[in-house]
PDB file of N, CA and C in Angstrom:
ATOM      1  N   UNK A   1      15.882 -11.273 -10.683  1.00  0.00           N
ATOM      2  CA  UNK A   1      15.203 -10.786  -9.560  1.00  0.00           C
ATOM      3  C   UNK A   1      15.571  -9.639  -8.957  1.00  0.00           C
ATOM      4  N   UNK A   2      14.544  -8.489  -8.653  1.00  0.00           N
ATOM      5  CA  UNK A   2      15.097  -7.154  -8.218  1.00  0.00           C
ATOM      6  C   UNK A   2      15.261  -7.623  -6.546  1.00  0.00           C
ATOM      7  N   UNK A   3      16.062  -6.805  -6.121  1.00  0.00           N
ATOM      8  CA  UNK A   3      16.570  -6.749  -4.530  1.00  0.00           C
ATOM      9  C   UNK A   3      16.648  -5.133  -4.231  1.00  0.00           C
ATOM     10  N   UNK A   4      16.168  -4.954  -3.018  1.00  0.00           N
ATOM     11  CA  UNK A   4      16.177  -3.571  -2.489  1.00  0.00           C
ATOM     12  C   UNK A   4      17.601  -3.518  -2.467  1.00  0.00           C
ATOM     13  N   UNK A   5      18.158  -2.215  -2.431  1.00  0.00           N
ATOM     14  CA  UNK A   5      19.290  -1.774  -1.982  1.00  0.00           C
ATOM     15  C   UNK A   5      19.555  -1.078  -0.553  1.00  0.00           C
ATOM     16  N   UNK A   6      20.468  -1.801   0.126  1.00  0.00           N
ATOM     17  CA  UNK A   6      20.905  -1.160   1.620  1.00  0.00           C
ATOM     18  C   UNK A   6      21.545  -0.083   1.331  1.00  0.00           C
ATOM     19  N   UNK A   7      21.257   0.991   1.881  1.00  0.00           N
ATOM     20  CA  UNK A   7      21.757   2.311   1.765  1.00  0.00           C
ATOM     21  C   UNK A   7      22.552   2.660   3.031  1.00  0.00           C
ATOM     22  N   UNK A   8      23.725   3.184   2.805  1.00  0.00           N
ATOM     23  CA  UNK A   8      24.737   3.436   3.609  1.00  0.00           C
ATOM     24  C   UNK A   8      25.219   5.016   3.588  1.00  0.00           C
ATOM     25  N   UNK A   9      25.739   5.721   4.471  1.00  0.00           N
ATOM     26  CA  UNK A   9      26.613   6.994   4.251  1.00  0.00           C
ATOM     27  C   UNK A   9      27.221   6.923   2.968  1.00  0.00           C
ATOM     28  N   UNK A  10      27.831   6.069   2.566  1.00  0.00           N
ATOM     29  CA  UNK A  10      28.970   5.881   1.596  1.00  0.00           C
ATOM     30  C   UNK A  10      27.996   5.840   0.078  1.00  0.00           C
ATOM     31  N   UNK A  11      26.948   5.067   0.018  1.00  0.00           N
ATOM     32  CA  UNK A  11      26.314   4.839  -1.140  1.00  0.00           C
ATOM     33  C   UNK A  11      25.064   5.792  -1.404  1.00  0.00           C
ATOM     34  N   UNK A  12      24.695   6.428  -0.368  1.00  0.00           N
ATOM     35  CA  UNK A  12      23.319   7.130  -0.440  1.00  0.00           C
ATOM     36  C   UNK A  12      23.275   8.312  -1.495  1.00  0.00           C
ATOM     37  N   UNK A  13      23.884   9.075  -1.607  1.00  0.00           N
ATOM     38  CA  UNK A  13      23.772  10.246  -2.751  1.00  0.00           C
ATOM     39  C   UNK A  13      24.018   9.613  -3.982  1.00  0.00           C
ATOM     40  N   UNK A  14      24.966   8.760  -4.187  1.00  0.00           N
ATOM     41  CA  UNK A  14      25.188   8.089  -5.578  1.00  0.00           C
ATOM     42  C   UNK A  14      23.947   7.392  -6.060  1.00  0.00           C
ATOM     43  N   UNK A  15      23.439   6.875  -4.979  1.00  0.00           N
ATOM     44  CA  UNK A  15      22.183   5.924  -5.400  1.00  0.00           C
ATOM     45  C   UNK A  15      21.051   6.605  -5.894  1.00  0.00           C
ATOM     46  N   UNK A  16      20.493   7.716  -5.042  1.00  0.00           N
ATOM     47  CA  UNK A  16      19.360   8.213  -5.123  1.00  0.00           C
ATOM     48  C   UNK A  16      19.362   9.535  -5.937  1.00  0.00           C
ATOM     49  N   UNK A  17      20.866   9.921  -6.471  1.00  0.00           N
ATOM     50  CA  UNK A  17      20.847  11.015  -7.285  1.00  0.00           C
ATOM     51  C   UNK A  17      20.227  10.920  -8.817  1.00  0.00           C
ATOM     52  N   UNK A  18      20.055   9.448  -9.031  1.00  0.00           N
ATOM     53  CA  UNK A  18      19.778   9.367 -10.663  1.00  0.00           C
ATOM     54  C   UNK A  18      18.247   8.695 -10.531  1.00  0.00           C
ATOM     55  N   UNK A  19      17.450   9.417 -11.218  1.00  0.00           N
ATOM     56  CA  UNK A  19      15.941   8.576 -11.233  1.00  0.00           C
ATOM     57  C   UNK A  19      15.188   8.651  -9.961  1.00  0.00           C
ATOM     58  N   UNK A  20      14.131   7.550  -9.992  1.00  0.00           N
ATOM     59  CA  UNK A  20      13.146   7.870  -8.780  1.00  0.00           C
ATOM     60  C   UNK A  20      13.819   6.822  -7.890  1.00  0.00           C
ATOM     61  N   UNK A  21      13.496   7.290  -6.408  1.00  0.00           N
ATOM     62  CA  UNK A  21      14.001   6.359  -5.472  1.00  0.00           C
ATOM     63  C   UNK A  21      12.889   6.341  -4.245  1.00  0.00           C
ATOM     64  N   UNK A  22      12.733   5.092  -3.833  1.00  0.00           N
ATOM     65  CA  UNK A  22      11.916   4.912  -2.480  1.00  0.00           C
ATOM     66  C   UNK A  22      12.971   4.315  -1.597  1.00  0.00           C
ATOM     67  N   UNK A  23      12.973   5.392  -0.413  1.00  0.00           N
ATOM     68  CA  UNK A  23      13.875   5.009   0.621  1.00  0.00           C
ATOM     69  C   UNK A  23      13.266   4.814   1.896  1.00  0.00           C
ATOM     70  N   UNK A  24      13.339   3.582   2.441  1.00  0.00           N
ATOM     71  CA  UNK A  24      12.553   3.064   3.640  1.00  0.00           C
ATOM     72  C   UNK A  24      13.461   3.091   4.792  1.00  0.00           C
ATOM     73  N   UNK A  25      13.264   4.143   5.623  1.00  0.00           N
ATOM     74  CA  UNK A  25      14.174   4.156   7.049  1.00  0.00           C
ATOM     75  C   UNK A  25      13.689   3.357   7.823  1.00  0.00           C
ATOM     76  N   UNK A  26      14.175   2.338   8.425  1.00  0.00           N
ATOM     77  CA  UNK A  26      13.631   1.047   9.371  1.00  0.00           C
ATOM     78  C   UNK A  26      14.671   0.807  10.455  1.00  0.00           C
ATOM     79  N   UNK A  27      14.296  -0.010  11.326  1.00  0.00           N
ATOM     80  CA  UNK A  27      15.058  -0.642  12.117  1.00  0.00           C
ATOM     81  C   UNK A  27      14.696  -2.107  12.749  1.00  0.00           C
ATOM     82  N   UNK A  28      15.567  -3.150  12.753  1.00  0.00           N
ATOM     83  CA  UNK A  28      15.263  -4.371  13.142  1.00  0.00           C
ATOM     84  C   UNK A  28      14.355  -4.484  14.223  1.00  0.00           C
ATOM     85  N   UNK A  29      14.251  -3.632  15.174  1.00  0.00           N
ATOM     86  CA  UNK A  29      13.396  -4.171  16.471  1.00  0.00           C
ATOM     87  C   UNK A  29      11.982  -3.445  16.120  1.00  0.00           C
ATOM     88  N   UNK A  30      11.737  -2.615  15.345  1.00  0.00           N
ATOM     89  CA  UNK A  30      10.615  -2.101  14.915  1.00  0.00           C
ATOM     90  C   UNK A  30       9.305  -2.991  14.113  1.00  0.00           C
ATOM     91  N   UNK A  31       8.163  -3.304  15.101  1.00  0.00           N
ATOM     92  CA  UNK A  31       7.276  -4.077  14.320  1.00  0.00           C
ATOM     93  C   UNK A  31       6.668  -3.645  13.114  1.00  0.00           C
ATOM     94  N   UNK A  32       6.136  -2.373  13.027  1.00  0.00           N
ATOM     95  CA  UNK A  32       5.527  -2.139  11.741  1.00  0.00           C
ATOM     96  C   UNK A  32       6.521  -2.002  10.636  1.00  0.00           C
ATOM     97  N   UNK A  33       7.875  -1.882  10.925  1.00  0.00           N
ATOM     98  CA  UNK A  33       8.951  -1.886   9.767  1.00  0.00           C
ATOM     99  C   UNK A  33       9.239  -3.438   9.314  1.00  0.00           C
ATOM    100  N   UNK A  34       8.875  -4.221  10.211  1.00  0.00           N
ATOM    101  CA  UNK A  34       9.003  -5.671   9.853  1.00  0.00           C
ATOM    102  C   UNK A  34       7.766  -6.047   8.896  1.00  0.00           C
ATOM    103  N   UNK A  35       6.515  -5.543   9.635  1.00  0.00           N
ATOM    104  CA  UNK A  35       5.496  -5.491   8.522  1.00  0.00           C
ATOM    105  C   UNK A  35       5.514  -5.061   7.105  1.00  0.00           C
ATOM    106  N   UNK A  36       6.451  -4.163   7.056  1.00  0.00           N
ATOM    107  CA  UNK A  36       6.523  -3.668   5.807  1.00  0.00           C
ATOM    108  C   UNK A  36       7.784  -4.272   4.764  1.00  0.00           C
ATOM    109  N   UNK A  37       8.383  -4.815   5.403  1.00  0.00           N
ATOM    110  CA  UNK A  37       9.542  -5.468   4.698  1.00  0.00           C
ATOM    111  C   UNK A  37       9.273  -6.352   3.660  1.00  0.00           C
ATOM    112  N   UNK A  38       8.339  -7.376   3.471  1.00  0.00           N
ATOM    113  CA  UNK A  38       7.861  -8.086   2.655  1.00  0.00           C
ATOM    114  C   UNK A  38       7.439  -7.152   1.401  1.00  0.00           C
ATOM    115  N   UNK A  39       6.614  -5.980   1.536  1.00  0.00           N
ATOM    116  CA  UNK A  39       6.302  -5.115   0.350  1.00  0.00           C
ATOM    117  C   UNK A  39       7.433  -4.181  -0.155  1.00  0.00           C
ATOM    118  N   UNK A  40       8.301  -4.021   0.570  1.00  0.00           N
ATOM    119  CA  UNK A  40       9.329  -3.346   0.001  1.00  0.00           C
ATOM    120  C   UNK A  40      10.182  -4.486  -0.873  1.00  0.00           C
ATOM    121  N   UNK A  41      10.189  -5.540  -0.396  1.00  0.00           N
ATOM    122  CA  UNK A  41      10.770  -6.594  -1.278  1.00  0.00           C
ATOM    123  C   UNK A  41      10.010  -6.833  -2.678  1.00  0.00           C
ATOM    124  N   UNK A  42       8.844  -6.863  -2.637  1.00  0.00           N
ATOM    125  CA  UNK A  42       7.825  -6.976  -3.707  1.00  0.00           C
ATOM    126  C   UNK A  42       8.201  -5.883  -4.654  1.00  0.00           C
ATOM    127  N   UNK A  43       8.200  -4.628  -3.916  1.00  0.00           N
ATOM    128  CA  UNK A  43       8.316  -3.380  -5.026  1.00  0.00           C
ATOM    129  C   UNK A  43       9.649  -3.374  -5.387  1.00  0.00           C
ATOM    130  N   UNK A  44      10.946  -4.086  -4.883  1.00  0.00           N
ATOM    131  CA  UNK A  44      12.233  -3.893  -5.386  1.00  0.00           C
ATOM    132  C   UNK A  44      12.152  -4.860  -6.907  1.00  0.00           C
ATOM    133  N   UNK A  45      11.352  -6.128  -6.756  1.00  0.00           N
ATOM    134  CA  UNK A  45      10.980  -6.942  -7.939  1.00  0.00           C
ATOM    135  C   UNK A  45      10.139  -6.086  -8.890  1.00  0.00           C
ATOM    136  N   UNK A  46       8.962  -5.547  -8.567  1.00  0.00           N
ATOM    137  CA  UNK A  46       8.084  -4.947  -9.603  1.00  0.00           C
ATOM    138  C   UNK A  46       8.734  -3.879 -10.235  1.00  0.00           C
ATOM    139  N   UNK A  47       9.587  -2.822  -9.454  1.00  0.00           N
ATOM    140  CA  UNK A  47      10.324  -1.673 -10.288  1.00  0.00           C
ATOM    141  C   UNK A  47      11.504  -1.738 -10.429  1.00  0.00           C
ATOM    142  N   UNK A  48      12.058  -3.227 -10.755  1.00  0.00           N
ATOM    143  CA  UNK A  48      13.399  -3.315 -10.942  1.00  0.00           C
ATOM    144  C   UNK A  48      13.695  -2.565 -12.461  1.00  0.00           C
ATOM    145  N   UNK A  49      14.681  -1.694 -12.602  1.00  0.00           N
ATOM    146  CA  UNK A  49      14.749  -1.036 -13.656  1.00  0.00           C
ATOM    147  C   UNK A  49      14.145   0.145 -13.860  1.00  0.00           C
ATOM    148  N   UNK A  50      13.206   0.447 -13.051  1.00  0.00           N
ATOM    149  CA  UNK A  50      12.180   1.627 -13.178  1.00  0.00           C
ATOM    150  C   UNK A  50      12.550   2.561 -11.972  1.00  0.00           C
ATOM    151  N   UNK A  51      12.933   1.975 -10.938  1.00  0.00           N
ATOM    152  CA  UNK A  51      12.928   2.931  -9.783  1.00  0.00           C
ATOM    153  C   UNK A  51      14.177   2.247  -8.549  1.00  0.00           C
ATOM    154  N   UNK A  52      14.645   2.787  -7.811  1.00  0.00           N
ATOM    155  CA  UNK A  52      15.759   2.346  -6.720  1.00  0.00           C
ATOM    156  C   UNK A  52      14.816   2.112  -5.575  1.00  0.00           C
ATOM    157  N   UNK A  53      14.602   0.860  -5.108  1.00  0.00           N
ATOM    158  CA  UNK A  53      13.910   0.607  -3.799  1.00  0.00           C
ATOM    159  C   UNK A  53      15.015   0.176  -2.917  1.00  0.00           C
ATOM    160  N   UNK A  54      14.855   1.225  -1.954  1.00  0.00           N
ATOM    161  CA  UNK A  54      15.953   1.331  -1.000  1.00  0.00           C
ATOM    162  C   UNK A  54      15.767   1.398   0.516  1.00  0.00           C
ATOM    163  N   UNK A  55      16.497   0.520   1.313  1.00  0.00           N
ATOM    164  CA  UNK A  55      16.300   0.559   2.712  1.00  0.00           C
ATOM    165  C   UNK A  55      17.417   1.235   3.440  1.00  0.00           C
ATOM    166  N   UNK A  56      17.159   2.132   4.620  1.00  0.00           N
ATOM    167  CA  UNK A  56      18.377   2.551   5.564  1.00  0.00           C
ATOM    168  C   UNK A  56      18.046   1.958   6.945  1.00  0.00           C
ATOM    169  N   UNK A  57      18.963   1.249   7.524  1.00  0.00           N
ATOM    170  CA  UNK A  57      19.011   0.881   8.935  1.00  0.00           C
ATOM    171  C   UNK A  57      19.309   1.868   9.912  1.00  0.00           C
ATOM    172  N   UNK A  58      18.217   2.563  10.592  1.00  0.00           N
ATOM    173  CA  UNK A  58      18.399   3.703  11.318  1.00  0.00           C
ATOM    174  C   UNK A  58      19.373   3.441  12.444  1.00  0.00           C
ATOM    175  N   UNK A  59      19.540   2.119  12.938  1.00  0.00           N
ATOM    176  CA  UNK A  59      20.328   1.830  14.063  1.00  0.00           C
ATOM    177  C   UNK A  59      21.889   1.922  13.327  1.00  0.00           C
ATOM    178  N   UNK A  60      22.251   1.539  12.390  1.00  0.00           N
ATOM    179  CA  UNK A  60      23.483   1.550  11.876  1.00  0.00           C
ATOM    180  C   UNK A  60      23.632   2.761  11.074  1.00  0.00           C
ATOM    181  N   UNK A  61      22.919   3.458  10.590  1.00  0.00           N
ATOM    182  CA  UNK A  61      23.055   4.663   9.691  1.00  0.00           C
ATOM    183  C   UNK A  61      22.389   5.998  10.508  1.00  0.00           C
ATOM    184  N   UNK A  62      22.725   6.322  11.708  1.00  0.00           N
ATOM    185  CA  UNK A  62      22.267   7.182  12.336  1.00  0.00           C
ATOM    186  C   UNK A  62      22.383   8.662  11.768  1.00  0.00           C
ATOM    187  N   UNK A  63      23.543   8.944  11.074  1.00  0.00           N
ATOM    188  CA  UNK A  63      23.649  10.112  10.343  1.00  0.00           C
ATOM    189  C   UNK A  63      22.876  10.574   9.432  1.00  0.00           C
ATOM    190  N   UNK A  64      22.432   9.448   8.715  1.00  0.00           N
ATOM    191  CA  UNK A  64      21.457   9.649   7.580  1.00  0.00           C
ATOM    192  C   UNK A  64      20.081  10.069   8.167  1.00  0.00           C
ATOM    193  N   UNK A  65      19.611   9.256   9.247  1.00  0.00           N
ATOM    194  CA  UNK A  65      18.447   9.599   9.720  1.00  0.00           C
ATOM    195  C   UNK A  65      18.249  10.949  10.286  1.00  0.00           C
ATOM    196  N   UNK A  66      19.427  11.425  10.917  1.00  0.00           N
ATOM    197  CA  UNK A  66      19.378  12.715  11.354  1.00  0.00           C
ATOM    198  C   UNK A  66      19.457  13.716  10.309  1.00  0.00           C
ATOM    199  N   UNK A  67      20.129  13.527   9.187  1.00  0.00           N
ATOM    200  CA  UNK A  67      20.382  14.433   7.937  1.00  0.00           C
ATOM    201  C   UNK A  67      18.764  14.582   7.531  1.00  0.00           C
ATOM    202  N   UNK A  68      17.946  13.611   7.375  1.00  0.00           N
ATOM    203  CA  UNK A  68      16.885  13.583   6.558  1.00  0.00           C
ATOM    204  C   UNK A  68      15.681  13.681   7.773  1.00  0.00           C
ATOM    205  N   UNK A  69      16.031  14.151   8.910  1.00  0.00           N
ATOM    206  CA  UNK A  69      15.082  14.455   9.948  1.00  0.00           C
ATOM    207  C   UNK A  69      14.026  13.144  10.349  1.00  0.00           C
ATOM    208  N   UNK A  70      14.564  11.917  10.510  1.00  0.00           N
ATOM    209  CA  UNK A  70      13.607  10.982  10.663  1.00  0.00           C
ATOM    210  C   UNK A  70      13.303  10.806  11.917  1.00  0.00           C
ATOM    211  N   UNK A  71      12.205  10.976  12.590  1.00  0.00           N
ATOM    212  CA  UNK A  71      11.873  11.021  14.078  1.00  0.00           C
ATOM    213  C   UNK A  71      10.953   9.667  14.233  1.00  0.00           C
ATOM    214  N   UNK A  72      10.330   9.132  13.413  1.00  0.00           N
ATOM    215  CA  UNK A  72       9.491   7.890  13.783  1.00  0.00           C
ATOM    216  C   UNK A  72       9.864   6.979  12.545  1.00  0.00           C
ATOM    217  N   UNK A  73       9.711   5.835  12.801  1.00  0.00           N
ATOM    218  CA  UNK A  73      10.059   4.783  11.824  1.00  0.00           C
ATOM    219  C   UNK A  73       8.768   3.964  11.896  1.00  0.00           C
ATOM    220  N   UNK A  74       8.445   3.200  10.752  1.00  0.00           N
ATOM    221  CA  UNK A  74       8.796   3.489   9.440  1.00  0.00           C
ATOM    222  C   UNK A  74       8.668   4.806   8.639  1.00  0.00           C
ATOM    223  N   UNK A  75       9.556   5.214   8.255  1.00  0.00           N
ATOM    224  CA  UNK A  75       9.369   6.580   7.443  1.00  0.00           C
ATOM    225  C   UNK A  75       9.886   6.282   5.876  1.00  0.00           C
ATOM    226  N   UNK A  76       8.980   6.580   5.059  1.00  0.00           N
ATOM    227  CA  UNK A  76       9.406   6.210   3.425  1.00  0.00           C
ATOM    228  C   UNK A  76       9.560   7.670   2.834  1.00  0.00           C
ATOM    229  N   UNK A  77      10.854   7.845   2.372  1.00  0.00           N
ATOM    230  CA  UNK A  77      10.985   8.967   1.562  1.00  0.00           C
ATOM    231  C   UNK A  77      11.023   8.713  -0.041  1.00  0.00           C
ATOM    232  N   UNK A  78      10.233   9.683  -0.708  1.00  0.00           N
ATOM    233  CA  UNK A  78      10.274   9.397  -2.364  1.00  0.00           C
ATOM    234  C   UNK A  78      11.120  10.496  -2.626  1.00  0.00           C
ATOM    235  N   UNK A  79      12.020   9.939  -3.698  1.00  0.00           N
ATOM    236  CA  UNK A  79      13.028  11.162  -4.144  1.00  0.00           C
ATOM    237  C   UNK A  79      12.940  10.984  -5.770  1.00  0.00           C
ATOM    238  N   UNK A  80      13.430  11.961  -6.524  1.00  0.00           N
ATOM    239  CA  UNK A  80      13.631  12.023  -7.777  1.00  0.00           C
ATOM    240  C   UNK A  80      14.944  12.871  -8.238  1.00  0.00           C
ATOM    241  N   UNK A  81      15.715  12.160  -8.726  1.00  0.00           N
ATOM    242  CA  UNK A  81      17.091  12.831  -9.030  1.00  0.00           C
ATOM    243  C   UNK A  81      17.800  13.412  -7.781  1.00  0.00           C
ATOM    244  N   UNK A  82      17.632  12.868  -6.534  1.00  0.00           N
ATOM    245  CA  UNK A  82      18.160  13.106  -5.162  1.00  0.00           C
ATOM    246  C   UNK A  82      17.435  14.412  -4.572  1.00  0.00           C
ATOM    247  N   UNK A  83      16.215  14.677  -5.173  1.00  0.00           N
ATOM    248  CA  UNK A  83      15.357  15.792  -4.643  1.00  0.00           C
ATOM    249  C   UNK A  83      14.313  14.839  -3.879  1.00  0.00           C
ATOM    250  N   UNK A  84      13.765  15.426  -2.515  1.00  0.00           N
ATOM    251  CA  UNK A  84      12.776  14.825  -1.807  1.00  0.00           C
ATOM    252  C   UNK A  84      11.476  15.136  -2.389  1.00  0.00           C
ATOM    253  N   UNK A  85      10.571  14.558  -2.689  1.00  0.00           N
ATOM    254  CA  UNK A  85       9.362  14.963  -3.327  1.00  0.00           C
ATOM    255  C   UNK A  85       8.126  14.700  -2.207  1.00  0.00           C
ATOM    256  N   UNK A  86       8.132  13.500  -1.641  1.00  0.00           N
ATOM    257  CA  UNK A  86       7.211  13.399  -0.633  1.00  0.00           C
ATOM    258  C   UNK A  86       7.802  12.199   0.211  1.00  0.00           C
ATOM    259  N   UNK A  87       6.973  12.158   1.484  1.00  0.00           N
ATOM    260  CA  UNK A  87       7.104  11.313   2.418  1.00  0.00           C
ATOM    261  C   UNK A  87       6.094  10.640   3.359  1.00  0.00           C
ATOM    262  N   UNK A  88       6.150   9.527   3.519  1.00  0.00           N
ATOM    263  CA  UNK A  88       5.231   8.687   4.119  1.00  0.00           C
ATOM    264  C   UNK A  88       5.595   8.402   5.750  1.00  0.00           C
ATOM    265  N   UNK A  89       5.055   8.605   6.829  1.00  0.00           N
ATOM    266  CA  UNK A  89       5.590   7.978   8.188  1.00  0.00           C
ATOM    267  C   UNK A  89       4.481   7.120   8.392  1.00  0.00           C
ATOM    268  N   UNK A  90       4.879   5.794   9.061  1.00  0.00           N
ATOM    269  CA  UNK A  90       4.293   4.845   9.441  1.00  0.00           C
ATOM    270  C   UNK A  90       4.125   3.844   8.431  1.00  0.00           C
ATOM    271  N   UNK A  91       3.470   2.602   8.419  1.00  0.00           N
ATOM    272  CA  UNK A  91       3.288   1.550   7.542  1.00  0.00           C
ATOM    273  C   UNK A  91       2.289   2.026   6.741  1.00  0.00           C
ATOM    274  N   UNK A  92       2.649   1.657   5.576  1.00  0.00           N
ATOM    275  CA  UNK A  92       1.398   2.002   4.330  1.00  0.00           C
ATOM    276  C   UNK A  92       1.393   0.825   3.571  1.00  0.00           C
ATOM    277  N   UNK A  93       0.112   0.920   2.624  1.00  0.00           N
ATOM    278  CA  UNK A  93      -0.221  -0.414   2.094  1.00  0.00           C
ATOM    279  C   UNK A  93       0.625  -0.291   0.657  1.00  0.00           C
ATOM    280  N   UNK A  94       0.844  -1.469   0.306  1.00  0.00           N
ATOM    281  CA  UNK A  94       1.534  -1.690  -0.951  1.00  0.00           C
ATOM    282  C   UNK A  94       0.822  -0.859  -2.149  1.00  0.00           C
ATOM    283  N   UNK A  95      -0.443  -0.943  -2.111  1.00  0.00           N
ATOM    284  CA  UNK A  95      -1.139  -0.201  -3.254  1.00  0.00           C
ATOM    285  C   UNK A  95      -0.910   1.356  -3.295  1.00  0.00           C
ATOM    286  N   UNK A  96      -0.766   1.747  -1.911  1.00  0.00           N
ATOM    287  CA  UNK A  96      -0.600   3.545  -1.596  1.00  0.00           C
ATOM    288  C   UNK A  96       1.014   3.676  -2.355  1.00  0.00           C
ATOM    289  N   UNK A  97       1.749   2.781  -2.014  1.00  0.00           N
ATOM    290  CA  UNK A  97       3.262   2.771  -2.290  1.00  0.00           C
ATOM    291  C   UNK A  97       3.536   2.748  -3.936  1.00  0.00           C
ATOM    292  N   UNK A  98       2.801   1.944  -4.384  1.00  0.00           N
ATOM    293  CA  UNK A  98       2.838   1.666  -5.796  1.00  0.00           C
ATOM    294  C   UNK A  98       2.266   2.875  -6.682  1.00  0.00           C
ATOM    295  N   UNK A  99       1.111   3.395  -6.191  1.00  0.00           N
ATOM    296  CA  UNK A  99       0.540   4.587  -6.812  1.00  0.00           C
ATOM    297  C   UNK A  99       1.403   5.869  -6.818  1.00  0.00           C
ATOM    298  N   UNK A 100       2.045   6.006  -5.465  1.00  0.00           N
ATOM    299  CA  UNK A 100       3.012   7.197  -5.377  1.00  0.00           C
ATOM    300  C   UNK A 100       4.267   6.924  -6.530  1.00  0.00           C
ATOM    301  N   UNK A 101       4.774   5.663  -6.398  1.00  0.00           N
ATOM    302  CA  UNK A 101       5.959   5.384  -7.399  1.00  0.00           C
ATOM    303  C   UNK A 101       5.453   5.853  -8.875  1.00  0.00           C
ATOM    304  N   UNK A 102       4.274   5.233  -9.203  1.00  0.00           N
ATOM    305  CA  UNK A 102       3.917   5.445 -10.498  1.00  0.00           C
ATOM    306  C   UNK A 102       3.627   6.970 -10.772  1.00  0.00           C
ATOM    307  N   UNK A 103       3.335   7.688  -9.856  1.00  0.00           N
ATOM    308  CA  UNK A 103       2.914   8.975 -10.048  1.00  0.00           C
ATOM    309  C   UNK A 103       4.421   9.983 -10.310  1.00  0.00           C
ATOM    310  N   UNK A 104       5.227   9.252  -9.841  1.00  0.00           N
ATOM    311  CA  UNK A 104       6.747  10.056 -10.026  1.00  0.00           C
ATOM    312  C   UNK A 104       7.560   9.807 -11.362  1.00  0.00           C
ATOM    313  N   UNK A 105       6.932   8.961 -11.936  1.00  0.00           N
ATOM    314  CA  UNK A 105       7.789   8.415 -13.006  1.00  0.00           C
ATOM    315  C   UNK A 105       7.264   9.024 -14.348  1.00  0.00           C
TER     316      UNK A 105
END
């Protein structure tokens, strides 16, 4: 069963440097982030072995949020081999996220 990867300052670069990554910047107090959480978990299962599905808790990893210019959450960044290819701010539909991931592979 696939599980998303909790990213921290320590494992961020290593994790996203290889292949396709979806990185969800969120916080526990954010309503839209909580609505998006089950979608991220489903994507982690569906894309296991195909893409890194990751989450960054912006309360705990403020340096990462600053480094990537996160001003509002949820923000989802799509990366390939460490390069940012696209970004979505606000809650997004599962279908839109699936289509974006498929377009990157």
